[in-house]
Amino acid sequence: MSALSHGDAPGAESSLLKTRGTELSQRLTELALGAVAHYALPFQPHATAPGGPVPDAPSVSPNGTPVGPDYSWAVTPKYLNDRAGSIHAGTNEIQRNIMSKAVLGL
């Protein structure tokens, strides 16, 4: 941010932050997936849709209520979305190439 405020290019720091950030996010969601265990299995779009439950969405439970505690409903969608984090905005492998050229001069 300091480099940008002085009119300079951000340099390899942005690649480092993107790579490290996506890897940490992926590890955290893997941990969350393990923590909610079998409650992460059902696909529950009726419980995790933006803006709240969707009345006409199919439910996996017989009585129409979401399965498991409310903190478990968004774990699987977050995990699946974070898997794409290492690809969008430049794959982590490309970011590593940028860092190796800018920092190490390779």
PDB file of N, CA and C in Angstrom:
ATOM      1  N   MET A   1       0.824  -1.178   0.000  1.00  0.00           N
ATOM      2  CA  MET A   1       0.000   0.000   0.000  1.00  0.00           C
ATOM      3  C   MET A   1       0.875   1.250   0.000  1.00  0.00           C
ATOM      4  N   SER A   2       1.996   1.157   0.699  1.00  0.00           N
ATOM      5  CA  SER A   2       2.906   2.301   0.742  1.00  0.00           C
ATOM      6  C   SER A   2       3.458   2.602  -0.651  1.00  0.00           C
ATOM      7  N   ALA A   3       3.846   1.553  -1.370  1.00  0.00           N
ATOM      8  CA  ALA A   3       4.381   1.745  -2.722  1.00  0.00           C
ATOM      9  C   ALA A   3       3.319   2.348  -3.637  1.00  0.00           C
ATOM     10  N   LEU A   4       2.096   1.870  -3.526  1.00  0.00           N
ATOM     11  CA  LEU A   4       1.024   2.407  -4.358  1.00  0.00           C
ATOM     12  C   LEU A   4       0.726   3.862  -4.030  1.00  0.00           C
ATOM     13  N   SER A   5       0.783   4.224  -2.758  1.00  0.00           N
ATOM     14  CA  SER A   5       0.495   5.610  -2.382  1.00  0.00           C
ATOM     15  C   SER A   5       1.574   6.574  -2.868  1.00  0.00           C
ATOM     16  N   HIS A   6       2.762   6.046  -3.146  1.00  0.00           N
ATOM     17  CA  HIS A   6       3.848   6.878  -3.684  1.00  0.00           C
ATOM     18  C   HIS A   6       3.954   6.782  -5.205  1.00  0.00           C
ATOM     19  N   GLY A   7       2.983   6.107  -5.830  1.00  0.00           N
ATOM     20  CA  GLY A   7       2.964   6.010  -7.282  1.00  0.00           C
ATOM     21  C   GLY A   7       3.816   4.889  -7.844  1.00  0.00           C
ATOM     22  N   ASP A   8       4.333   4.002  -6.995  1.00  0.00           N
ATOM     23  CA  ASP A   8       5.154   2.877  -7.453  1.00  0.00           C
ATOM     24  C   ASP A   8       4.288   1.633  -7.655  1.00  0.00           C
ATOM     25  N   ALA A   9       4.863   0.670  -8.364  1.00  0.00           N
ATOM     26  CA  ALA A   9       4.189  -0.612  -8.549  1.00  0.00           C
ATOM     27  C   ALA A   9       4.274  -1.406  -7.245  1.00  0.00           C
ATOM     28  N   PRO A  10       3.285  -2.226  -6.957  1.00  0.00           N
ATOM     29  CA  PRO A  10       3.302  -2.957  -5.693  1.00  0.00           C
ATOM     30  C   PRO A  10       4.404  -4.007  -5.592  1.00  0.00           C
ATOM     31  N   GLY A  11       4.905  -4.486  -6.706  1.00  0.00           N
ATOM     32  CA  GLY A  11       5.998  -5.446  -6.668  1.00  0.00           C
ATOM     33  C   GLY A  11       5.537  -6.859  -6.340  1.00  0.00           C
ATOM     34  N   ALA A  12       6.478  -7.662  -5.886  1.00  0.00           N
ATOM     35  CA  ALA A  12       6.202  -9.074  -5.624  1.00  0.00           C
ATOM     36  C   ALA A  12       5.392  -9.283  -4.354  1.00  0.00           C
ATOM     37  N   GLU A  13       5.231  -8.242  -3.551  1.00  0.00           N
ATOM     38  CA  GLU A  13       4.481  -8.383  -2.307  1.00  0.00           C
ATOM     39  C   GLU A  13       3.040  -8.807  -2.566  1.00  0.00           C
ATOM     40  N   SER A  14       2.435  -8.265  -3.636  1.00  0.00           N
ATOM     41  CA  SER A  14       1.046  -8.622  -3.938  1.00  0.00           C
ATOM     42  C   SER A  14       0.936 -10.102  -4.301  1.00  0.00           C
ATOM     43  N   SER A  15       1.915 -10.638  -4.999  1.00  0.00           N
ATOM     44  CA  SER A  15       1.906 -12.064  -5.331  1.00  0.00           C
ATOM     45  C   SER A  15       2.070 -12.905  -4.073  1.00  0.00           C
ATOM     46  N   LEU A  16       2.934 -12.459  -3.190  1.00  0.00           N
ATOM     47  CA  LEU A  16       3.155 -13.172  -1.935  1.00  0.00           C
ATOM     48  C   LEU A  16       1.877 -13.188  -1.097  1.00  0.00           C
ATOM     49  N   LEU A  17       1.214 -12.037  -0.993  1.00  0.00           N
ATOM     50  CA  LEU A  17      -0.013 -11.953  -0.203  1.00  0.00           C
ATOM     51  C   LEU A  17      -1.134 -12.795  -0.799  1.00  0.00           C
ATOM     52  N   LYS A  18      -1.264 -12.785  -2.117  1.00  0.00           N
ATOM     53  CA  LYS A  18      -2.305 -13.575  -2.770  1.00  0.00           C
ATOM     54  C   LYS A  18      -2.059 -15.063  -2.542  1.00  0.00           C
ATOM     55  N   THR A  19      -0.827 -15.501  -2.735  1.00  0.00           N
ATOM     56  CA  THR A  19      -0.501 -16.913  -2.584  1.00  0.00           C
ATOM     57  C   THR A  19      -0.690 -17.373  -1.146  1.00  0.00           C
ATOM     58  N   ARG A  20      -0.132 -16.639  -0.222  1.00  0.00           N
ATOM     59  CA  ARG A  20      -0.223 -17.022   1.193  1.00  0.00           C
ATOM     60  C   ARG A  20      -1.669 -16.948   1.690  1.00  0.00           C
ATOM     61  N   GLY A  21      -2.385 -15.926   1.267  1.00  0.00           N
ATOM     62  CA  GLY A  21      -3.768 -15.764   1.693  1.00  0.00           C
ATOM     63  C   GLY A  21      -4.662 -16.894   1.232  1.00  0.00           C
ATOM     64  N   THR A  22      -4.525 -17.301  -0.029  1.00  0.00           N
ATOM     65  CA  THR A  22      -5.369 -18.379  -0.533  1.00  0.00           C
ATOM     66  C   THR A  22      -5.011 -19.708   0.124  1.00  0.00           C
ATOM     67  N   GLU A  23      -3.729 -19.954   0.372  1.00  0.00           N
ATOM     68  CA  GLU A  23      -3.328 -21.199   1.024  1.00  0.00           C
ATOM     69  C   GLU A  23      -3.834 -21.262   2.458  1.00  0.00           C
ATOM     70  N   LEU A  24      -3.747 -20.155   3.178  1.00  0.00           N
ATOM     71  CA  LEU A  24      -4.264 -20.121   4.548  1.00  0.00           C
ATOM     72  C   LEU A  24      -5.777 -20.306   4.585  1.00  0.00           C
ATOM     73  N   SER A  25      -6.466 -19.651   3.673  1.00  0.00           N
ATOM     74  CA  SER A  25      -7.920 -19.780   3.616  1.00  0.00           C
ATOM     75  C   SER A  25      -8.329 -21.219   3.317  1.00  0.00           C
ATOM     76  N   GLN A  26      -7.623 -21.868   2.412  1.00  0.00           N
ATOM     77  CA  GLN A  26      -7.925 -23.261   2.090  1.00  0.00           C
ATOM     78  C   GLN A  26      -7.684 -24.168   3.298  1.00  0.00           C
ATOM     79  N   ARG A  27      -6.609 -23.946   4.017  1.00  0.00           N
ATOM     80  CA  ARG A  27      -6.328 -24.771   5.198  1.00  0.00           C
ATOM     81  C   ARG A  27      -7.362 -24.559   6.293  1.00  0.00           C
ATOM     82  N   LEU A  28      -7.790 -23.311   6.479  1.00  0.00           N
ATOM     83  CA  LEU A  28      -8.798 -23.032   7.497  1.00  0.00           C
ATOM     84  C   LEU A  28     -10.136 -23.683   7.160  1.00  0.00           C
ATOM     85  N   THR A  29     -10.526 -23.637   5.892  1.00  0.00           N
ATOM     86  CA  THR A  29     -11.798 -24.262   5.541  1.00  0.00           C
ATOM     87  C   THR A  29     -11.699 -25.787   5.588  1.00  0.00           C
ATOM     88  N   GLU A  30     -10.522 -26.355   5.340  1.00  0.00           N
ATOM     89  CA  GLU A  30     -10.336 -27.795   5.518  1.00  0.00           C
ATOM     90  C   GLU A  30     -10.495 -28.172   6.989  1.00  0.00           C
ATOM     91  N   LEU A  31      -9.954 -27.350   7.871  1.00  0.00           N
ATOM     92  CA  LEU A  31     -10.093 -27.571   9.304  1.00  0.00           C
ATOM     93  C   LEU A  31     -11.561 -27.462   9.724  1.00  0.00           C
ATOM     94  N   ALA A  32     -12.268 -26.463   9.202  1.00  0.00           N
ATOM     95  CA  ALA A  32     -13.686 -26.293   9.512  1.00  0.00           C
ATOM     96  C   ALA A  32     -14.494 -27.475   9.006  1.00  0.00           C
ATOM     97  N   LEU A  33     -14.138 -27.993   7.845  1.00  0.00           N
ATOM     98  CA  LEU A  33     -14.829 -29.149   7.283  1.00  0.00           C
ATOM     99  C   LEU A  33     -14.675 -30.354   8.208  1.00  0.00           C
ATOM    100  N   GLY A  34     -13.479 -30.544   8.720  1.00  0.00           N
ATOM    101  CA  GLY A  34     -13.247 -31.636   9.667  1.00  0.00           C
ATOM    102  C   GLY A  34     -13.963 -31.415  10.989  1.00  0.00           C
ATOM    103  N   ALA A  35     -14.079 -30.159  11.405  1.00  0.00           N
ATOM    104  CA  ALA A  35     -14.708 -29.844  12.692  1.00  0.00           C
ATOM    105  C   ALA A  35     -16.216 -30.092  12.669  1.00  0.00           C
ATOM    106  N   VAL A  36     -16.879 -29.795  11.567  1.00  0.00           N
ATOM    107  CA  VAL A  36     -18.328 -30.023  11.521  1.00  0.00           C
ATOM    108  C   VAL A  36     -18.665 -31.446  11.098  1.00  0.00           C
ATOM    109  N   ALA A  37     -17.672 -32.211  10.715  1.00  0.00           N
ATOM    110  CA  ALA A  37     -17.784 -33.638  10.403  1.00  0.00           C
ATOM    111  C   ALA A  37     -18.924 -33.936   9.433  1.00  0.00           C
ATOM    112  N   HIS A  38     -19.798 -34.845   9.801  1.00  0.00           N
ATOM    113  CA  HIS A  38     -20.854 -35.310   8.889  1.00  0.00           C
ATOM    114  C   HIS A  38     -21.914 -34.244   8.606  1.00  0.00           C
ATOM    115  N   TYR A  39     -21.964 -33.172   9.385  1.00  0.00           N
ATOM    116  CA  TYR A  39     -22.921 -32.103   9.103  1.00  0.00           C
ATOM    117  C   TYR A  39     -22.526 -31.307   7.859  1.00  0.00           C
ATOM    118  N   ALA A  40     -21.306 -31.481   7.383  1.00  0.00           N
ATOM    119  CA  ALA A  40     -20.862 -30.779   6.175  1.00  0.00           C
ATOM    120  C   ALA A  40     -21.288 -31.515   4.908  1.00  0.00           C
ATOM    121  N   LEU A  41     -21.784 -32.714   5.038  1.00  0.00           N
ATOM    122  CA  LEU A  41     -22.118 -33.519   3.863  1.00  0.00           C
ATOM    123  C   LEU A  41     -23.346 -33.063   3.085  1.00  0.00           C
ATOM    124  N   PRO A  42     -24.459 -32.723   3.723  1.00  0.00           N
ATOM    125  CA  PRO A  42     -25.652 -32.404   2.916  1.00  0.00           C
ATOM    126  C   PRO A  42     -25.495 -31.128   2.108  1.00  0.00           C
ATOM    127  N   PHE A  43     -26.034 -31.167   0.889  1.00  0.00           N
ATOM    128  CA  PHE A  43     -26.109 -29.966   0.058  1.00  0.00           C
ATOM    129  C   PHE A  43     -27.403 -29.269   0.432  1.00  0.00           C
ATOM    130  N   GLN A  44     -27.295 -28.093   1.024  1.00  0.00           N
ATOM    131  CA  GLN A  44     -28.453 -27.411   1.574  1.00  0.00           C
ATOM    132  C   GLN A  44     -28.590 -25.999   1.024  1.00  0.00           C
ATOM    133  N   PRO A  45     -28.927 -25.855  -0.259  1.00  0.00           N
ATOM    134  CA  PRO A  45     -29.040 -24.507  -0.813  1.00  0.00           C
ATOM    135  C   PRO A  45     -30.145 -23.696  -0.154  1.00  0.00           C
ATOM    136  N   HIS A  46     -31.140 -24.371   0.399  1.00  0.00           N
ATOM    137  CA  HIS A  46     -32.233 -23.671   1.065  1.00  0.00           C
ATOM    138  C   HIS A  46     -31.767 -22.999   2.351  1.00  0.00           C
ATOM    139  N   ALA A  47     -30.648 -23.439   2.918  1.00  0.00           N
ATOM    140  CA  ALA A  47     -30.145 -22.865   4.165  1.00  0.00           C
ATOM    141  C   ALA A  47     -29.020 -21.873   3.942  1.00  0.00           C
ATOM    142  N   THR A  48     -28.314 -21.967   2.814  1.00  0.00           N
ATOM    143  CA  THR A  48     -27.107 -21.164   2.626  1.00  0.00           C
ATOM    144  C   THR A  48     -27.224 -20.111   1.540  1.00  0.00           C
ATOM    145  N   ALA A  49     -28.403 -19.910   1.012  1.00  0.00           N
ATOM    146  CA  ALA A  49     -28.572 -18.925  -0.062  1.00  0.00           C
ATOM    147  C   ALA A  49     -28.401 -17.511   0.486  1.00  0.00           C
ATOM    148  N   PRO A  50     -27.836 -16.599  -0.294  1.00  0.00           N
ATOM    149  CA  PRO A  50     -27.724 -15.210   0.151  1.00  0.00           C
ATOM    150  C   PRO A  50     -29.104 -14.639   0.475  1.00  0.00           C
ATOM    151  N   GLY A  51     -29.202 -13.962   1.575  1.00  0.00           N
ATOM    152  CA  GLY A  51     -30.469 -13.367   1.960  1.00  0.00           C
ATOM    153  C   GLY A  51     -31.357 -14.279   2.771  1.00  0.00           C
ATOM    154  N   GLY A  52     -30.889 -15.471   3.058  1.00  0.00           N
ATOM    155  CA  GLY A  52     -31.666 -16.361   3.905  1.00  0.00           C
ATOM    156  C   GLY A  52     -32.202 -17.570   3.176  1.00  0.00           C
ATOM    157  N   PRO A  53     -32.998 -18.343   3.856  1.00  0.00           N
ATOM    158  CA  PRO A  53     -33.535 -19.568   3.275  1.00  0.00           C
ATOM    159  C   PRO A  53     -34.374 -19.311   2.021  1.00  0.00           C
ATOM    160  N   VAL A  54     -34.310 -20.243   1.100  1.00  0.00           N
ATOM    161  CA  VAL A  54     -35.088 -20.171  -0.133  1.00  0.00           C
ATOM    162  C   VAL A  54     -36.278 -21.115   0.036  1.00  0.00           C
ATOM    163  N   PRO A  55     -37.507 -20.598   0.031  1.00  0.00           N
ATOM    164  CA  PRO A  55     -38.673 -21.432   0.337  1.00  0.00           C
ATOM    165  C   PRO A  55     -38.902 -22.592  -0.620  1.00  0.00           C
ATOM    166  N   ASP A  56     -38.622 -22.449  -1.906  1.00  0.00           N
ATOM    167  CA  ASP A  56     -38.919 -23.502  -2.879  1.00  0.00           C
ATOM    168  C   ASP A  56     -37.746 -24.429  -3.171  1.00  0.00           C
ATOM    169  N   ALA A  57     -36.605 -24.214  -2.508  1.00  0.00           N
ATOM    170  CA  ALA A  57     -35.438 -25.067  -2.760  1.00  0.00           C
ATOM    171  C   ALA A  57     -35.676 -26.441  -2.136  1.00  0.00           C
ATOM    172  N   PRO A  58     -35.197 -27.500  -2.806  1.00  0.00           N
ATOM    173  CA  PRO A  58     -35.391 -28.836  -2.241  1.00  0.00           C
ATOM    174  C   PRO A  58     -34.610 -29.001  -0.941  1.00  0.00           C
ATOM    175  N   SER A  59     -35.153 -29.745  -0.040  1.00  0.00           N
ATOM    176  CA  SER A  59     -34.522 -29.982   1.253  1.00  0.00           C
ATOM    177  C   SER A  59     -34.070 -31.422   1.340  1.00  0.00           C
ATOM    178  N   VAL A  60     -32.996 -31.673   2.074  1.00  0.00           N
ATOM    179  CA  VAL A  60     -32.509 -33.032   2.231  1.00  0.00           C
ATOM    180  C   VAL A  60     -33.131 -33.706   3.440  1.00  0.00           C
ATOM    181  N   SER A  61     -33.758 -32.937   4.315  1.00  0.00           N
ATOM    182  CA  SER A  61     -34.372 -33.529   5.493  1.00  0.00           C
ATOM    183  C   SER A  61     -35.879 -33.709   5.274  1.00  0.00           C
ATOM    184  N   PRO A  62     -36.475 -34.715   5.897  1.00  0.00           N
ATOM    185  CA  PRO A  62     -37.890 -34.984   5.675  1.00  0.00           C
ATOM    186  C   PRO A  62     -38.822 -33.851   6.111  1.00  0.00           C
ATOM    187  N   ASN A  63     -38.472 -33.118   7.157  1.00  0.00           N
ATOM    188  CA  ASN A  63     -39.361 -32.061   7.633  1.00  0.00           C
ATOM    189  C   ASN A  63     -39.034 -30.684   7.055  1.00  0.00           C
ATOM    190  N   GLY A  64     -38.057 -30.612   6.142  1.00  0.00           N
ATOM    191  CA  GLY A  64     -37.748 -29.361   5.460  1.00  0.00           C
ATOM    192  C   GLY A  64     -36.814 -28.421   6.196  1.00  0.00           C
ATOM    193  N   THR A  65     -36.378 -28.784   7.382  1.00  0.00           N
ATOM    194  CA  THR A  65     -35.445 -27.927   8.109  1.00  0.00           C
ATOM    195  C   THR A  65     -34.017 -28.319   7.760  1.00  0.00           C
ATOM    196  N   PRO A  66     -33.087 -27.381   7.826  1.00  0.00           N
ATOM    197  CA  PRO A  66     -31.694 -27.707   7.532  1.00  0.00           C
ATOM    198  C   PRO A  66     -31.135 -28.749   8.509  1.00  0.00           C
ATOM    199  N   VAL A  67     -30.183 -29.514   8.030  1.00  0.00           N
ATOM    200  CA  VAL A  67     -29.567 -30.554   8.834  1.00  0.00           C
ATOM    201  C   VAL A  67     -28.379 -29.964   9.590  1.00  0.00           C
ATOM    202  N   GLY A  68     -28.300 -30.245  10.869  1.00  0.00           N
ATOM    203  CA  GLY A  68     -27.162 -29.833  11.679  1.00  0.00           C
ATOM    204  C   GLY A  68     -27.295 -28.428  12.235  1.00  0.00           C
ATOM    205  N   PRO A  69     -26.299 -28.037  13.038  1.00  0.00           N
ATOM    206  CA  PRO A  69     -26.313 -26.701  13.625  1.00  0.00           C
ATOM    207  C   PRO A  69     -26.093 -25.623  12.565  1.00  0.00           C
ATOM    208  N   ASP A  70     -26.571 -24.424  12.844  1.00  0.00           N
ATOM    209  CA  ASP A  70     -26.523 -23.362  11.832  1.00  0.00           C
ATOM    210  C   ASP A  70     -25.109 -22.982  11.414  1.00  0.00           C
ATOM    211  N   TYR A  71     -24.112 -23.160  12.276  1.00  0.00           N
ATOM    212  CA  TYR A  71     -22.741 -22.819  11.884  1.00  0.00           C
ATOM    213  C   TYR A  71     -22.160 -23.797  10.877  1.00  0.00           C
ATOM    214  N   SER A  72     -22.798 -24.937  10.681  1.00  0.00           N
ATOM    215  CA  SER A  72     -22.271 -25.929   9.747  1.00  0.00           C
ATOM    216  C   SER A  72     -22.818 -25.771   8.331  1.00  0.00           C
ATOM    217  N   TRP A  73     -23.868 -24.996   8.155  1.00  0.00           N
ATOM    218  CA  TRP A  73     -24.528 -24.923   6.857  1.00  0.00           C
ATOM    219  C   TRP A  73     -23.649 -24.351   5.756  1.00  0.00           C
ATOM    220  N   ALA A  74     -22.812 -23.387   6.063  1.00  0.00           N
ATOM    221  CA  ALA A  74     -22.019 -22.718   5.024  1.00  0.00           C
ATOM    222  C   ALA A  74     -20.601 -23.263   4.899  1.00  0.00           C
ATOM    223  N   VAL A  75     -20.236 -24.269   5.680  1.00  0.00           N
ATOM    224  CA  VAL A  75     -18.853 -24.761   5.663  1.00  0.00           C
ATOM    225  C   VAL A  75     -18.490 -25.372   4.308  1.00  0.00           C
ATOM    226  N   THR A  76     -19.322 -26.257   3.788  1.00  0.00           N
ATOM    227  CA  THR A  76     -18.998 -26.902   2.514  1.00  0.00           C
ATOM    228  C   THR A  76     -18.986 -25.921   1.344  1.00  0.00           C
ATOM    229  N   PRO A  77     -19.984 -25.033   1.203  1.00  0.00           N
ATOM    230  CA  PRO A  77     -19.889 -24.058   0.114  1.00  0.00           C
ATOM    231  C   PRO A  77     -18.652 -23.172   0.216  1.00  0.00           C
ATOM    232  N   LYS A  78     -18.269 -22.783   1.438  1.00  0.00           N
ATOM    233  CA  LYS A  78     -17.066 -21.961   1.629  1.00  0.00           C
ATOM    234  C   LYS A  78     -15.823 -22.754   1.237  1.00  0.00           C
ATOM    235  N   TYR A  79     -15.765 -24.016   1.635  1.00  0.00           N
ATOM    236  CA  TYR A  79     -14.634 -24.872   1.288  1.00  0.00           C
ATOM    237  C   TYR A  79     -14.496 -24.998  -0.233  1.00  0.00           C
ATOM    238  N   LEU A  80     -15.603 -25.278  -0.910  1.00  0.00           N
ATOM    239  CA  LEU A  80     -15.558 -25.444  -2.362  1.00  0.00           C
ATOM    240  C   LEU A  80     -15.179 -24.140  -3.063  1.00  0.00           C
ATOM    241  N   ASN A  81     -15.655 -23.015  -2.562  1.00  0.00           N
ATOM    242  CA  ASN A  81     -15.299 -21.727  -3.147  1.00  0.00           C
ATOM    243  C   ASN A  81     -13.821 -21.404  -2.912  1.00  0.00           C
ATOM    244  N   ASP A  82     -13.312 -21.722  -1.742  1.00  0.00           N
ATOM    245  CA  ASP A  82     -11.910 -21.439  -1.454  1.00  0.00           C
ATOM    246  C   ASP A  82     -10.952 -22.297  -2.272  1.00  0.00           C
ATOM    247  N   ARG A  83     -11.391 -23.462  -2.724  1.00  0.00           N
ATOM    248  CA  ARG A  83     -10.543 -24.293  -3.584  1.00  0.00           C
ATOM    249  C   ARG A  83     -10.229 -23.557  -4.884  1.00  0.00           C
ATOM    250  N   ALA A  84     -11.156 -22.737  -5.340  1.00  0.00           N
ATOM    251  CA  ALA A  84     -10.941 -21.976  -6.573  1.00  0.00           C
ATOM    252  C   ALA A  84     -10.019 -20.785  -6.344  1.00  0.00           C
ATOM    253  N   GLY A  85      -9.787 -20.412  -5.096  1.00  0.00           N
ATOM    254  CA  GLY A  85      -8.957 -19.251  -4.785  1.00  0.00           C
ATOM    255  C   GLY A  85      -7.532 -19.351  -5.300  1.00  0.00           C
ATOM    256  N   SER A  86      -7.008 -20.569  -5.378  1.00  0.00           N
ATOM    257  CA  SER A  86      -5.642 -20.723  -5.872  1.00  0.00           C
ATOM    258  C   SER A  86      -5.575 -20.643  -7.395  1.00  0.00           C
ATOM    259  N   ILE A  87      -6.737 -20.523  -8.043  1.00  0.00           N
ATOM    260  CA  ILE A  87      -6.771 -20.433  -9.503  1.00  0.00           C
ATOM    261  C   ILE A  87      -7.120 -19.025  -9.982  1.00  0.00           C
ATOM    262  N   HIS A  88      -8.175 -18.427  -9.420  1.00  0.00           N
ATOM    263  CA  HIS A  88      -8.572 -17.111  -9.932  1.00  0.00           C
ATOM    264  C   HIS A  88      -7.594 -16.034  -9.487  1.00  0.00           C
ATOM    265  N   ALA A  89      -7.546 -14.949 -10.222  1.00  0.00           N
ATOM    266  CA  ALA A  89      -6.603 -13.840 -10.007  1.00  0.00           C
ATOM    267  C   ALA A  89      -5.158 -14.297 -10.225  1.00  0.00           C
ATOM    268  N   GLY A  90      -4.967 -15.286 -11.054  1.00  0.00           N
ATOM    269  CA  GLY A  90      -3.622 -15.800 -11.335  1.00  0.00           C
ATOM    270  C   GLY A  90      -3.343 -16.997 -10.458  1.00  0.00           C
ATOM    271  N   THR A  91      -3.048 -18.132 -11.065  1.00  0.00           N
ATOM    272  CA  THR A  91      -2.809 -19.330 -10.263  1.00  0.00           C
ATOM    273  C   THR A  91      -1.634 -19.106  -9.326  1.00  0.00           C
ATOM    274  N   ASN A  92      -1.617 -19.862  -8.244  1.00  0.00           N
ATOM    275  CA  ASN A  92      -0.520 -19.722  -7.286  1.00  0.00           C
ATOM    276  C   ASN A  92       0.825 -20.074  -7.916  1.00  0.00           C
ATOM    277  N   GLU A  93       0.826 -20.973  -8.886  1.00  0.00           N
ATOM    278  CA  GLU A  93       2.086 -21.317  -9.556  1.00  0.00           C
ATOM    279  C   GLU A  93       2.611 -20.128 -10.356  1.00  0.00           C
ATOM    280  N   ILE A  94       1.735 -19.406 -11.022  1.00  0.00           N
ATOM    281  CA  ILE A  94       2.160 -18.207 -11.748  1.00  0.00           C
ATOM    282  C   ILE A  94       2.648 -17.148 -10.763  1.00  0.00           C
ATOM    283  N   GLN A  95       1.952 -17.013  -9.644  1.00  0.00           N
ATOM    284  CA  GLN A  95       2.379 -16.051  -8.619  1.00  0.00           C
ATOM    285  C   GLN A  95       3.764 -16.410  -8.087  1.00  0.00           C
ATOM    286  N   ARG A  96       4.037 -17.694  -7.942  1.00  0.00           N
ATOM    287  CA  ARG A  96       5.375 -18.125  -7.480  1.00  0.00           C
ATOM    288  C   ARG A  96       6.440 -17.788  -8.526  1.00  0.00           C
ATOM    289  N   ASN A  97       6.095 -17.930  -9.803  1.00  0.00           N
ATOM    290  CA  ASN A  97       7.036 -17.530 -10.860  1.00  0.00           C
ATOM    291  C   ASN A  97       7.334 -16.041 -10.801  1.00  0.00           C
ATOM    292  N   ILE A  98       6.301 -15.229 -10.582  1.00  0.00           N
ATOM    293  CA  ILE A  98       6.496 -13.783 -10.456  1.00  0.00           C
ATOM    294  C   ILE A  98       7.419 -13.475  -9.282  1.00  0.00           C
ATOM    295  N   MET A  99       7.178 -14.129  -8.157  1.00  0.00           N
ATOM    296  CA  MET A  99       8.019 -13.898  -6.967  1.00  0.00           C
ATOM    297  C   MET A  99       9.454 -14.327  -7.206  1.00  0.00           C
ATOM    298  N   SER A 100       9.649 -15.463  -7.880  1.00  0.00           N
ATOM    299  CA  SER A 100      11.025 -15.928  -8.101  1.00  0.00           C
ATOM    300  C   SER A 100      11.786 -14.996  -9.015  1.00  0.00           C
ATOM    301  N   LYS A 101      11.111 -14.428 -10.004  1.00  0.00           N
ATOM    302  CA  LYS A 101      11.775 -13.495 -10.904  1.00  0.00           C
ATOM    303  C   LYS A 101      12.049 -12.152 -10.223  1.00  0.00           C
ATOM    304  N   ALA A 102      11.067 -11.651  -9.486  1.00  0.00           N
ATOM    305  CA  ALA A 102      11.221 -10.320  -8.876  1.00  0.00           C
ATOM    306  C   ALA A 102      12.121 -10.326  -7.665  1.00  0.00           C
ATOM    307  N   VAL A 103      12.011 -11.347  -6.836  1.00  0.00           N
ATOM    308  CA  VAL A 103      12.773 -11.374  -5.582  1.00  0.00           C
ATOM    309  C   VAL A 103      14.121 -12.050  -5.754  1.00  0.00           C
ATOM    310  N   LEU A 104      14.147 -13.206  -6.391  1.00  0.00           N
ATOM    311  CA  LEU A 104      15.368 -13.981  -6.502  1.00  0.00           C
ATOM    312  C   LEU A 104      16.136 -13.719  -7.797  1.00  0.00           C
ATOM    313  N   GLY A 105      15.489 -13.065  -8.760  1.00  0.00           N
ATOM    314  CA  GLY A 105      16.149 -12.773 -10.022  1.00  0.00           C
ATOM    315  C   GLY A 105      16.325 -13.974 -10.912  1.00  0.00           C
ATOM    316  N   LEU A 106      15.481 -14.977 -10.773  1.00  0.00           N
ATOM    317  CA  LEU A 106      15.602 -16.193 -11.586  1.00  0.00           C
ATOM    318  C   LEU A 106      14.986 -16.034 -12.943  1.00  0.00           C
TER     319      LEU A 106
END
